[in-house]
N, C-alpha and C. Protein backbone atom coordinates (compact mmCIF):
# COMPACT_ATOMS: atom_id res chain seq x y z
N SER A 1 114.16 122.69 89.14
CA SER A 1 112.85 122.45 88.56
C SER A 1 112.36 121.04 88.90
N ARG A 2 113.26 120.09 88.82
CA ARG A 2 112.89 118.70 89.10
C ARG A 2 112.59 118.50 90.59
N VAL A 3 113.36 119.14 91.45
CA VAL A 3 113.13 119.03 92.89
C VAL A 3 111.79 119.66 93.26
N LEU A 4 111.49 120.81 92.68
CA LEU A 4 110.22 121.46 92.93
C LEU A 4 109.05 120.59 92.48
N ALA A 5 109.20 119.95 91.34
CA ALA A 5 108.15 119.07 90.83
C ALA A 5 107.96 117.87 91.76
N ALA A 6 109.04 117.32 92.27
CA ALA A 6 108.93 116.18 93.18
C ALA A 6 108.26 116.56 94.49
N LEU A 7 108.58 117.73 95.02
CA LEU A 7 107.96 118.18 96.26
C LEU A 7 106.48 118.46 96.06
N THR A 8 106.12 119.06 94.94
CA THR A 8 104.72 119.33 94.65
C THR A 8 103.93 118.04 94.52
N LEU A 9 104.50 117.07 93.84
CA LEU A 9 103.84 115.78 93.68
C LEU A 9 103.63 115.10 95.02
N GLN A 10 104.64 115.13 95.86
CA GLN A 10 104.55 114.47 97.16
C GLN A 10 103.50 115.15 98.05
N ARG A 11 103.47 116.47 98.06
CA ARG A 11 102.50 117.19 98.88
C ARG A 11 101.09 117.01 98.36
N GLY A 12 100.91 117.00 97.06
CA GLY A 12 99.58 116.82 96.48
C GLY A 12 99.02 115.44 96.77
N ALA A 13 99.84 114.43 96.63
CA ALA A 13 99.39 113.06 96.89
C ALA A 13 99.07 112.85 98.36
N SER A 14 99.89 113.40 99.25
CA SER A 14 99.60 113.22 100.67
C SER A 14 98.37 114.03 101.08
N GLY A 15 98.12 115.15 100.41
CA GLY A 15 96.92 115.92 100.68
C GLY A 15 95.66 115.15 100.32
N PHE A 16 95.71 114.46 99.19
CA PHE A 16 94.57 113.62 98.81
C PHE A 16 94.35 112.50 99.81
N LEU A 17 95.43 111.83 100.18
CA LEU A 17 95.31 110.68 101.07
C LEU A 17 94.92 111.04 102.49
N ARG A 18 95.45 112.15 103.00
CA ARG A 18 95.22 112.49 104.41
C ARG A 18 94.01 113.37 104.64
N CYS A 19 93.65 114.21 103.68
CA CYS A 19 92.58 115.18 103.92
C CYS A 19 91.29 114.87 103.18
N ILE A 20 91.37 114.73 101.89
CA ILE A 20 90.14 114.65 101.10
C ILE A 20 89.42 113.32 101.28
N ARG A 21 90.13 112.23 101.10
CA ARG A 21 89.44 110.93 101.17
C ARG A 21 88.93 110.59 102.56
N PRO A 22 89.68 110.79 103.65
CA PRO A 22 89.12 110.44 104.98
C PRO A 22 88.02 111.39 105.45
N LEU A 23 88.13 112.68 105.14
CA LEU A 23 87.15 113.63 105.63
C LEU A 23 85.84 113.60 104.84
N ARG A 24 85.92 113.38 103.57
CA ARG A 24 84.74 113.36 102.71
C ARG A 24 84.71 112.12 101.82
N PRO A 25 84.53 110.93 102.40
CA PRO A 25 84.57 109.71 101.57
C PRO A 25 83.42 109.63 100.58
N ALA A 26 82.23 110.10 100.96
CA ALA A 26 81.10 110.04 100.04
C ALA A 26 81.32 110.97 98.85
N ALA A 27 81.87 112.15 99.12
CA ALA A 27 82.15 113.09 98.03
C ALA A 27 83.26 112.54 97.12
N ALA A 28 84.25 111.88 97.71
CA ALA A 28 85.32 111.30 96.89
C ALA A 28 84.77 110.20 95.99
N ARG A 29 83.85 109.38 96.50
CA ARG A 29 83.24 108.34 95.66
C ARG A 29 82.34 108.95 94.60
N TYR A 30 81.62 110.00 94.95
CA TYR A 30 80.69 110.64 94.02
C TYR A 30 81.43 111.35 92.89
N LEU A 31 82.54 112.01 93.21
CA LEU A 31 83.30 112.77 92.21
C LEU A 31 84.43 111.97 91.56
N ALA A 32 84.59 110.72 91.94
CA ALA A 32 85.68 109.90 91.39
C ALA A 32 85.63 109.80 89.86
N PRO A 33 84.47 109.58 89.22
CA PRO A 33 84.48 109.52 87.75
C PRO A 33 84.95 110.81 87.09
N VAL A 34 84.58 111.94 87.66
CA VAL A 34 85.01 113.23 87.09
C VAL A 34 86.52 113.40 87.24
N ILE A 35 87.04 113.06 88.40
CA ILE A 35 88.48 113.21 88.63
C ILE A 35 89.27 112.22 87.78
N ILE A 36 88.72 111.03 87.56
CA ILE A 36 89.40 110.05 86.70
C ILE A 36 89.48 110.57 85.27
N VAL A 37 88.39 111.13 84.76
CA VAL A 37 88.40 111.67 83.40
C VAL A 37 89.37 112.85 83.29
N LEU A 38 89.37 113.74 84.28
CA LEU A 38 90.30 114.87 84.26
C LEU A 38 91.76 114.40 84.35
N SER A 39 92.00 113.35 85.10
CA SER A 39 93.36 112.80 85.21
C SER A 39 93.81 112.22 83.87
N LEU A 40 92.93 111.53 83.21
CA LEU A 40 93.27 110.98 81.89
C LEU A 40 93.55 112.09 80.88
N ILE A 41 92.74 113.14 80.92
CA ILE A 41 92.98 114.28 80.02
C ILE A 41 94.33 114.91 80.32
N ALA A 42 94.67 115.07 81.60
CA ALA A 42 95.96 115.66 81.97
C ALA A 42 97.12 114.80 81.51
N VAL A 43 96.98 113.48 81.63
CA VAL A 43 98.05 112.58 81.21
C VAL A 43 98.27 112.68 79.71
N ILE A 44 97.20 112.63 78.95
CA ILE A 44 97.32 112.66 77.49
C ILE A 44 97.82 114.02 77.01
N TYR A 45 97.25 115.09 77.55
CA TYR A 45 97.63 116.43 77.11
C TYR A 45 99.07 116.76 77.46
N SER A 46 99.49 116.49 78.69
CA SER A 46 100.86 116.82 79.08
C SER A 46 101.88 115.94 78.35
N GLY A 47 101.50 114.72 78.02
CA GLY A 47 102.38 113.88 77.21
C GLY A 47 102.56 114.42 75.82
N MET A 48 101.48 114.92 75.23
CA MET A 48 101.58 115.50 73.89
C MET A 48 102.37 116.81 73.91
N VAL A 49 102.21 117.60 74.96
CA VAL A 49 102.97 118.85 75.08
C VAL A 49 104.45 118.55 75.25
N ALA A 50 104.77 117.54 76.03
CA ALA A 50 106.17 117.18 76.24
C ALA A 50 106.83 116.68 74.96
N LEU A 51 106.06 116.08 74.07
CA LEU A 51 106.64 115.59 72.81
C LEU A 51 107.10 116.72 71.90
N VAL A 52 106.42 117.84 71.92
CA VAL A 52 106.77 118.94 71.01
C VAL A 52 107.57 120.05 71.69
N GLN A 53 107.93 119.88 72.95
CA GLN A 53 108.65 120.91 73.70
C GLN A 53 110.10 120.98 73.26
N THR A 54 110.61 122.20 73.03
CA THR A 54 112.01 122.38 72.64
C THR A 54 112.85 122.95 73.78
N ASP A 55 112.23 123.64 74.73
CA ASP A 55 112.96 124.20 75.86
C ASP A 55 113.21 123.11 76.90
N MET A 56 114.47 122.92 77.28
CA MET A 56 114.82 121.81 78.16
C MET A 56 114.24 121.98 79.56
N LYS A 57 114.17 123.21 80.07
CA LYS A 57 113.63 123.43 81.41
C LYS A 57 112.14 123.10 81.44
N LYS A 58 111.41 123.47 80.42
CA LYS A 58 109.99 123.14 80.35
C LYS A 58 109.79 121.65 80.10
N LEU A 59 110.73 121.04 79.40
CA LEU A 59 110.66 119.60 79.14
C LEU A 59 110.79 118.80 80.43
N VAL A 60 111.51 119.33 81.41
CA VAL A 60 111.64 118.67 82.70
C VAL A 60 110.36 118.84 83.51
N ALA A 61 109.70 119.99 83.39
CA ALA A 61 108.51 120.27 84.19
C ALA A 61 107.27 119.55 83.67
N ASP A 62 107.16 119.35 82.37
CA ASP A 62 105.96 118.73 81.80
C ASP A 62 105.71 117.29 82.28
N PRO A 63 106.71 116.44 82.37
CA PRO A 63 106.44 115.09 82.88
C PRO A 63 105.99 115.05 84.34
N SER A 64 106.28 116.09 85.12
CA SER A 64 105.79 116.10 86.49
C SER A 64 104.27 116.27 86.51
N ILE A 65 103.73 117.05 85.59
CA ILE A 65 102.28 117.18 85.47
C ILE A 65 101.71 115.84 85.01
N TRP A 66 102.39 115.20 84.09
CA TRP A 66 101.98 113.90 83.58
C TRP A 66 101.96 112.87 84.72
N HIS A 67 102.98 112.92 85.57
CA HIS A 67 103.08 111.97 86.67
C HIS A 67 102.00 112.23 87.72
N MET A 68 101.68 113.48 87.99
CA MET A 68 100.63 113.80 88.95
C MET A 68 99.28 113.31 88.44
N GLY A 69 99.08 113.33 87.12
CA GLY A 69 97.86 112.76 86.55
C GLY A 69 97.75 111.28 86.85
N PHE A 70 98.86 110.56 86.75
CA PHE A 70 98.84 109.14 87.08
C PHE A 70 98.60 108.90 88.57
N VAL A 71 99.16 109.76 89.41
CA VAL A 71 98.96 109.61 90.85
C VAL A 71 97.49 109.80 91.22
N THR A 72 96.86 110.86 90.71
CA THR A 72 95.45 111.09 91.02
C THR A 72 94.57 110.01 90.39
N LEU A 73 94.95 109.53 89.24
CA LEU A 73 94.21 108.44 88.62
C LEU A 73 94.24 107.19 89.51
N GLY A 74 95.42 106.86 90.01
CA GLY A 74 95.55 105.70 90.90
C GLY A 74 94.82 105.87 92.23
N LEU A 75 94.86 107.08 92.77
CA LEU A 75 94.19 107.33 94.05
C LEU A 75 92.67 107.20 93.93
N PHE A 76 92.11 107.63 92.82
CA PHE A 76 90.66 107.62 92.70
C PHE A 76 90.12 106.38 91.98
N LEU A 77 90.99 105.54 91.46
CA LEU A 77 90.51 104.26 90.93
C LEU A 77 90.18 103.28 92.05
N VAL A 78 90.77 103.47 93.21
CA VAL A 78 90.54 102.55 94.33
C VAL A 78 89.52 103.07 95.34
N VAL A 79 88.86 104.18 95.02
CA VAL A 79 87.86 104.74 95.96
C VAL A 79 86.63 103.87 95.97
């Protein structure tokens, strides 16, 4: 579960950096506020879900969603 989460995070971040931002820079700047708000919602929501999770396998998967929220937040704060 942890390896799958790490691979998904790595592929998602490289997809943003290699495809979306260079090909459509104006769209990335235009939609940056929306993506920033959605990233913040994902970080807060997945953190709250991880706090009340009792299943250990799901507890490992929830922080990966939380971490991807931070990655997208960082990518679009510098656009």
